[in-house]
PDB file of all heavy atoms in Angstrom:
ATOM      1  N   ARG A   1     -18.308  -2.711   3.773  1.00  0.00           N
ATOM      2  CA  ARG A   1     -18.444  -1.445   4.504  1.00  0.00           C
ATOM      3  C   ARG A   1     -17.706  -0.320   3.788  1.00  0.00           C
ATOM      4  O   ARG A   1     -18.151   0.824   3.784  1.00  0.00           O
ATOM      5  CB  ARG A   1     -17.901  -1.617   5.925  1.00  0.00           C
ATOM      6  CG  ARG A   1     -18.101  -0.393   6.803  1.00  0.00           C
ATOM      7  CD  ARG A   1     -17.526  -0.616   8.194  1.00  0.00           C
ATOM      8  NE  ARG A   1     -17.622   0.570   9.004  1.00  0.00           N
ATOM      9  CZ  ARG A   1     -17.071   0.710  10.208  1.00  0.00           C
ATOM     10  NH1 ARG A   1     -16.386  -0.294  10.744  1.00  0.00           N
ATOM     11  NH2 ARG A   1     -17.199   1.833  10.881  1.00  0.00           N
ATOM     12  N   TRP A   2     -16.540  -0.658   3.202  1.00  0.00           N
ATOM     13  CA  TRP A   2     -15.737   0.340   2.497  1.00  0.00           C
ATOM     14  C   TRP A   2     -15.425  -0.159   1.097  1.00  0.00           C
ATOM     15  O   TRP A   2     -15.282  -1.358   0.871  1.00  0.00           O
ATOM     16  CB  TRP A   2     -14.395   0.598   3.225  1.00  0.00           C
ATOM     17  CG  TRP A   2     -14.505   0.897   4.682  1.00  0.00           C
ATOM     18  CD1 TRP A   2     -14.236   0.059   5.715  1.00  0.00           C
ATOM     19  CD2 TRP A   2     -14.924   2.132   5.277  1.00  0.00           C
ATOM     20  NE1 TRP A   2     -14.448   0.670   6.912  1.00  0.00           N
ATOM     21  CE2 TRP A   2     -14.880   1.965   6.683  1.00  0.00           C
ATOM     22  CE3 TRP A   2     -15.328   3.376   4.763  1.00  0.00           C
ATOM     23  CZ2 TRP A   2     -15.218   2.968   7.568  1.00  0.00           C
ATOM     24  CZ3 TRP A   2     -15.669   4.374   5.650  1.00  0.00           C
ATOM     25  CH2 TRP A   2     -15.611   4.172   7.031  1.00  0.00           C
ATOM     26  N   THR A   3     -15.289   0.776   0.162  1.00  0.00           N
ATOM     27  CA  THR A   3     -14.825   0.408  -1.174  1.00  0.00           C
ATOM     28  C   THR A   3     -13.296   0.315  -1.149  1.00  0.00           C
ATOM     29  O   THR A   3     -12.642   0.841  -0.226  1.00  0.00           O
ATOM     30  CB  THR A   3     -15.249   1.443  -2.222  1.00  0.00           C
ATOM     31  OG1 THR A   3     -14.604   2.695  -1.935  1.00  0.00           O
ATOM     32  CG2 THR A   3     -16.765   1.624  -2.214  1.00  0.00           C
ATOM     33  N   LYS A   4     -12.733  -0.322  -2.154  1.00  0.00           N
ATOM     34  CA  LYS A   4     -11.269  -0.435  -2.222  1.00  0.00           C
ATOM     35  C   LYS A   4     -10.625   0.942  -2.354  1.00  0.00           C
ATOM     36  O   LYS A   4      -9.547   1.185  -1.806  1.00  0.00           O
ATOM     37  CB  LYS A   4     -10.874  -1.324  -3.396  1.00  0.00           C
ATOM     38  CG  LYS A   4     -11.243  -2.788  -3.199  1.00  0.00           C
ATOM     39  CD  LYS A   4     -10.803  -3.637  -4.373  1.00  0.00           C
ATOM     40  CE  LYS A   4     -11.171  -5.098  -4.135  1.00  0.00           C
ATOM     41  NZ  LYS A   4     -10.774  -5.957  -5.274  1.00  0.00           N
ATOM     42  N   LYS A   5     -11.279   1.844  -3.062  1.00  0.00           N
ATOM     43  CA  LYS A   5     -10.748   3.194  -3.241  1.00  0.00           C
ATOM     44  C   LYS A   5     -10.713   3.940  -1.911  1.00  0.00           C
ATOM     45  O   LYS A   5      -9.731   4.625  -1.592  1.00  0.00           O
ATOM     46  CB  LYS A   5     -11.603   3.956  -4.252  1.00  0.00           C
ATOM     47  CG  LYS A   5     -11.066   5.351  -4.585  1.00  0.00           C
ATOM     48  CD  LYS A   5     -11.947   6.053  -5.589  1.00  0.00           C
ATOM     49  CE  LYS A   5     -11.382   7.422  -5.961  1.00  0.00           C
ATOM     50  NZ  LYS A   5     -11.108   8.299  -4.817  1.00  0.00           N
ATOM     51  N   GLN A   6     -11.780   3.798  -1.119  1.00  0.00           N
ATOM     52  CA  GLN A   6     -11.828   4.459   0.192  1.00  0.00           C
ATOM     53  C   GLN A   6     -10.718   3.946   1.106  1.00  0.00           C
ATOM     54  O   GLN A   6     -10.065   4.729   1.808  1.00  0.00           O
ATOM     55  CB  GLN A   6     -13.191   4.228   0.840  1.00  0.00           C
ATOM     56  CG  GLN A   6     -14.331   5.017   0.208  1.00  0.00           C
ATOM     57  CD  GLN A   6     -15.680   4.660   0.792  1.00  0.00           C
ATOM     58  OE1 GLN A   6     -15.960   3.488   1.077  1.00  0.00           O
ATOM     59  NE2 GLN A   6     -16.545   5.651   0.966  1.00  0.00           N
ATOM     60  N   ALA A   7     -10.515   2.631   1.101  1.00  0.00           N
ATOM     61  CA  ALA A   7      -9.468   2.039   1.939  1.00  0.00           C
ATOM     62  C   ALA A   7      -8.091   2.505   1.486  1.00  0.00           C
ATOM     63  O   ALA A   7      -7.222   2.870   2.309  1.00  0.00           O
ATOM     64  CB  ALA A   7      -9.561   0.514   1.895  1.00  0.00           C
ATOM     65  N   LEU A   8      -7.868   2.537   0.171  1.00  0.00           N
ATOM     66  CA  LEU A   8      -6.577   2.958  -0.366  1.00  0.00           C
ATOM     67  C   LEU A   8      -6.315   4.429  -0.050  1.00  0.00           C
ATOM     68  O   LEU A   8      -5.193   4.806   0.332  1.00  0.00           O
ATOM     69  CB  LEU A   8      -6.558   2.730  -1.878  1.00  0.00           C
ATOM     70  CG  LEU A   8      -5.229   3.024  -2.597  1.00  0.00           C
ATOM     71  CD1 LEU A   8      -4.114   2.145  -2.030  1.00  0.00           C
ATOM     72  CD2 LEU A   8      -5.379   2.787  -4.098  1.00  0.00           C
ATOM     73  N   ASP A   9      -7.334   5.256  -0.169  1.00  0.00           N
ATOM     74  CA  ASP A   9      -7.183   6.679   0.151  1.00  0.00           C
ATOM     75  C   ASP A   9      -6.828   6.880   1.627  1.00  0.00           C
ATOM     76  O   ASP A   9      -6.002   7.739   1.963  1.00  0.00           O
ATOM     77  CB  ASP A   9      -8.477   7.432  -0.169  1.00  0.00           C
ATOM     78  CG  ASP A   9      -8.709   7.575  -1.672  1.00  0.00           C
ATOM     79  OD1 ASP A   9      -7.741   7.375  -2.433  1.00  0.00           O
ATOM     80  OD2 ASP A   9      -9.860   7.856  -2.069  1.00  0.00           O
ATOM     81  N   SER A  10      -7.433   6.111   2.509  1.00  0.00           N
ATOM     82  CA  SER A  10      -7.144   6.215   3.947  1.00  0.00           C
ATOM     83  C   SER A  10      -5.715   5.805   4.250  1.00  0.00           C
ATOM     84  O   SER A  10      -5.025   6.435   5.066  1.00  0.00           O
ATOM     85  CB  SER A  10      -8.124   5.349   4.740  1.00  0.00           C
ATOM     86  OG  SER A  10      -9.446   5.819   4.590  1.00  0.00           O
ATOM     87  N   VAL A  11      -5.257   4.728   3.605  1.00  0.00           N
ATOM     88  CA  VAL A  11      -3.872   4.266   3.816  1.00  0.00           C
ATOM     89  C   VAL A  11      -2.888   5.341   3.350  1.00  0.00           C
ATOM     90  O   VAL A  11      -1.918   5.667   4.052  1.00  0.00           O
ATOM     91  CB  VAL A  11      -3.629   2.940   3.056  1.00  0.00           C
ATOM     92  CG1 VAL A  11      -2.149   2.574   3.079  1.00  0.00           C
ATOM     93  CG2 VAL A  11      -4.449   1.816   3.668  1.00  0.00           C
ATOM     94  N   ARG A  12      -3.130   5.891   2.182  1.00  0.00           N
ATOM     95  CA  ARG A  12      -2.252   6.947   1.660  1.00  0.00           C
ATOM     96  C   ARG A  12      -2.247   8.167   2.562  1.00  0.00           C
ATOM     97  O   ARG A  12      -1.196   8.781   2.818  1.00  0.00           O
ATOM     98  CB  ARG A  12      -2.711   7.353   0.263  1.00  0.00           C
ATOM     99  CG  ARG A  12      -2.370   6.324  -0.825  1.00  0.00           C
ATOM    100  CD  ARG A  12      -3.021   6.714  -2.138  1.00  0.00           C
ATOM    101  NE  ARG A  12      -2.646   5.794  -3.200  1.00  0.00           N
ATOM    102  CZ  ARG A  12      -3.250   5.742  -4.390  1.00  0.00           C
ATOM    103  NH1 ARG A  12      -4.246   6.599  -4.643  1.00  0.00           N
ATOM    104  NH2 ARG A  12      -2.851   4.890  -5.291  1.00  0.00           N
ATOM    105  N   LYS A  13      -3.418   8.521   3.068  1.00  0.00           N
ATOM    106  CA  LYS A  13      -3.551   9.703   3.922  1.00  0.00           C
ATOM    107  C   LYS A  13      -2.733   9.565   5.205  1.00  0.00           C
ATOM    108  O   LYS A  13      -2.038  10.496   5.622  1.00  0.00           O
ATOM    109  CB  LYS A  13      -5.022   9.910   4.255  1.00  0.00           C
ATOM    110  CG  LYS A  13      -5.324  11.208   4.990  1.00  0.00           C
ATOM    111  CD  LYS A  13      -6.827  11.368   5.179  1.00  0.00           C
ATOM    112  CE  LYS A  13      -7.141  12.673   5.895  1.00  0.00           C
ATOM    113  NZ  LYS A  13      -8.606  12.851   6.105  1.00  0.00           N
ATOM    114  N   VAL A  14      -2.804   8.382   5.829  1.00  0.00           N
ATOM    115  CA  VAL A  14      -2.095   8.143   7.087  1.00  0.00           C
ATOM    116  C   VAL A  14      -0.592   8.149   6.870  1.00  0.00           C
ATOM    117  O   VAL A  14       0.175   8.796   7.603  1.00  0.00           O
ATOM    118  CB  VAL A  14      -2.545   6.810   7.728  1.00  0.00           C
ATOM    119  CG1 VAL A  14      -1.614   6.430   8.882  1.00  0.00           C
ATOM    120  CG2 VAL A  14      -3.983   6.921   8.220  1.00  0.00           C
ATOM    121  N   PHE A  15      -0.119   7.437   5.832  1.00  0.00           N
ATOM    122  CA  PHE A  15       1.328   7.310   5.627  1.00  0.00           C
ATOM    123  C   PHE A  15       1.949   8.560   5.001  1.00  0.00           C
ATOM    124  O   PHE A  15       3.152   8.745   5.078  1.00  0.00           O
ATOM    125  CB  PHE A  15       1.623   6.089   4.747  1.00  0.00           C
ATOM    126  CG  PHE A  15       1.515   4.782   5.495  1.00  0.00           C
ATOM    127  CD1 PHE A  15       0.382   4.003   5.390  1.00  0.00           C
ATOM    128  CD2 PHE A  15       2.537   4.357   6.317  1.00  0.00           C
ATOM    129  CE1 PHE A  15       0.260   2.808   6.074  1.00  0.00           C
ATOM    130  CE2 PHE A  15       2.443   3.165   7.018  1.00  0.00           C
ATOM    131  CZ  PHE A  15       1.299   2.389   6.904  1.00  0.00           C
ATOM    132  N   THR A  16       1.116   9.395   4.401  1.00  0.00           N
ATOM    133  CA  THR A  16       1.639  10.646   3.832  1.00  0.00           C
ATOM    134  C   THR A  16       1.854  11.689   4.922  1.00  0.00           C
ATOM    135  O   THR A  16       2.839  12.417   4.930  1.00  0.00           O
ATOM    136  CB  THR A  16       0.669  11.202   2.774  1.00  0.00           C
ATOM    137  OG1 THR A  16       0.505  10.224   1.748  1.00  0.00           O
ATOM    138  CG2 THR A  16       1.235  12.484   2.157  1.00  0.00           C
ATOM    139  N   LYS A  17       0.928  11.735   5.875  1.00  0.00           N
ATOM    140  CA  LYS A  17       0.973  12.749   6.926  1.00  0.00           C
ATOM    141  C   LYS A  17       1.982  12.440   8.018  1.00  0.00           C
ATOM    142  O   LYS A  17       2.532  13.336   8.636  1.00  0.00           O
ATOM    143  CB  LYS A  17      -0.417  12.914   7.560  1.00  0.00           C
ATOM    144  CG  LYS A  17      -1.391  13.696   6.695  1.00  0.00           C
ATOM    145  CD  LYS A  17      -2.692  13.944   7.457  1.00  0.00           C
ATOM    146  CE  LYS A  17      -3.628  14.847   6.663  1.00  0.00           C
ATOM    147  NZ  LYS A  17      -4.881  15.126   7.418  1.00  0.00           N
ATOM    148  N   LYS A  18       2.200  11.138   8.297  1.00  0.00           N
ATOM    149  CA  LYS A  18       3.031  10.779   9.453  1.00  0.00           C
ATOM    150  C   LYS A  18       4.242   9.950   9.044  1.00  0.00           C
ATOM    151  O   LYS A  18       4.164   9.101   8.159  1.00  0.00           O
ATOM    152  CB  LYS A  18       2.195   9.968  10.455  1.00  0.00           C
ATOM    153  CG  LYS A  18       1.043  10.755  11.066  1.00  0.00           C
ATOM    154  CD  LYS A  18       0.323   9.894  12.088  1.00  0.00           C
ATOM    155  CE  LYS A  18      -0.827  10.657  12.738  1.00  0.00           C
ATOM    156  NZ  LYS A  18      -1.503   9.838  13.775  1.00  0.00           N
ATOM    157  N   ALA A  19       5.336  10.217   9.703  1.00  0.00           N
ATOM    158  CA  ALA A  19       6.534   9.395   9.486  1.00  0.00           C
ATOM    159  C   ALA A  19       6.401   8.077  10.232  1.00  0.00           C
ATOM    160  O   ALA A  19       6.887   7.043   9.783  1.00  0.00           O
ATOM    161  CB  ALA A  19       7.776  10.151   9.956  1.00  0.00           C
ATOM    162  N   GLU A  20       5.755   8.146  11.391  1.00  0.00           N
ATOM    163  CA  GLU A  20       5.534   6.937  12.187  1.00  0.00           C
ATOM    164  C   GLU A  20       4.035   6.748  12.406  1.00  0.00           C
ATOM    165  O   GLU A  20       3.302   7.708  12.619  1.00  0.00           O
ATOM    166  CB  GLU A  20       6.250   7.043  13.539  1.00  0.00           C
ATOM    167  CG  GLU A  20       7.766   7.046  13.417  1.00  0.00           C
ATOM    168  CD  GLU A  20       8.444   7.034  14.779  1.00  0.00           C
ATOM    169  OE1 GLU A  20       7.713   6.960  15.798  1.00  0.00           O
ATOM    170  OE2 GLU A  20       9.675   7.103  14.829  1.00  0.00           O
ATOM    171  N   THR A  21       3.627   5.502  12.380  1.00  0.00           N
ATOM    172  CA  THR A  21       2.211   5.174  12.549  1.00  0.00           C
ATOM    173  C   THR A  21       2.046   4.281  13.764  1.00  0.00           C
ATOM    174  O   THR A  21       2.806   3.319  13.943  1.00  0.00           O
ATOM    175  CB  THR A  21       1.666   4.439  11.305  1.00  0.00           C
ATOM    176  OG1 THR A  21       1.971   5.221  10.150  1.00  0.00           O
ATOM    177  CG2 THR A  21       0.163   4.248  11.394  1.00  0.00           C
ATOM    178  N   SER A  22       1.091   4.609  14.617  1.00  0.00           N
ATOM    179  CA  SER A  22       0.870   3.821  15.835  1.00  0.00           C
ATOM    180  C   SER A  22       0.251   2.466  15.505  1.00  0.00           C
ATOM    181  O   SER A  22      -0.326   2.258  14.430  1.00  0.00           O
ATOM    182  CB  SER A  22      -0.044   4.588  16.796  1.00  0.00           C
ATOM    183  OG  SER A  22      -1.344   4.706  16.240  1.00  0.00           O
ATOM    184  N   LEU A  23       0.371   1.559  16.469  1.00  0.00           N
ATOM    185  CA  LEU A  23      -0.170   0.202  16.294  1.00  0.00           C
ATOM    186  C   LEU A  23      -1.687   0.233  16.143  1.00  0.00           C
ATOM    187  O   LEU A  23      -2.251  -0.505  15.326  1.00  0.00           O
ATOM    188  CB  LEU A  23       0.219  -0.665  17.499  1.00  0.00           C
ATOM    189  CG  LEU A  23      -0.198  -2.143  17.441  1.00  0.00           C
ATOM    190  CD1 LEU A  23       0.438  -2.833  16.253  1.00  0.00           C
ATOM    191  CD2 LEU A  23       0.209  -2.853  18.745  1.00  0.00           C
ATOM    192  N   SER A  24      -2.344   1.101  16.905  1.00  0.00           N
ATOM    193  CA  SER A  24      -3.805   1.197  16.831  1.00  0.00           C
ATOM    194  C   SER A  24      -4.262   1.672  15.448  1.00  0.00           C
ATOM    195  O   SER A  24      -5.267   1.207  14.911  1.00  0.00           O
ATOM    196  CB  SER A  24      -4.342   2.144  17.915  1.00  0.00           C
ATOM    197  OG  SER A  24      -3.830   3.449  17.725  1.00  0.00           O
ATOM    198  N   GLU A  25      -3.487   2.621  14.869  1.00  0.00           N
ATOM    199  CA  GLU A  25      -3.824   3.110  13.531  1.00  0.00           C
ATOM    200  C   GLU A  25      -3.639   2.017  12.485  1.00  0.00           C
ATOM    201  O   GLU A  25      -4.434   1.892  11.546  1.00  0.00           O
ATOM    202  CB  GLU A  25      -2.961   4.332  13.186  1.00  0.00           C
ATOM    203  CG  GLU A  25      -3.366   5.597  13.925  1.00  0.00           C
ATOM    204  CD  GLU A  25      -2.443   6.755  13.610  1.00  0.00           C
ATOM    205  OE1 GLU A  25      -1.210   6.549  13.619  1.00  0.00           O
ATOM    206  OE2 GLU A  25      -2.947   7.865  13.350  1.00  0.00           O
ATOM    207  N   LEU A  26      -2.569   1.229  12.647  1.00  0.00           N
ATOM    208  CA  LEU A  26      -2.331   0.119  11.716  1.00  0.00           C
ATOM    209  C   LEU A  26      -3.457  -0.909  11.788  1.00  0.00           C
ATOM    210  O   LEU A  26      -3.896  -1.446  10.767  1.00  0.00           O
ATOM    211  CB  LEU A  26      -0.984  -0.543  12.021  1.00  0.00           C
ATOM    212  CG  LEU A  26       0.263   0.249  11.634  1.00  0.00           C
ATOM    213  CD1 LEU A  26       1.519  -0.470  12.115  1.00  0.00           C
ATOM    214  CD2 LEU A  26       0.324   0.447  10.109  1.00  0.00           C
TER     215      LEU A  26
END
């Protein structure tokens, strides 16, 4: 469904913008 690059970009985007990440986002 997703490429490795897309998944990596999403992970970076979430952890760059927020200091804390919710369980649902994880």
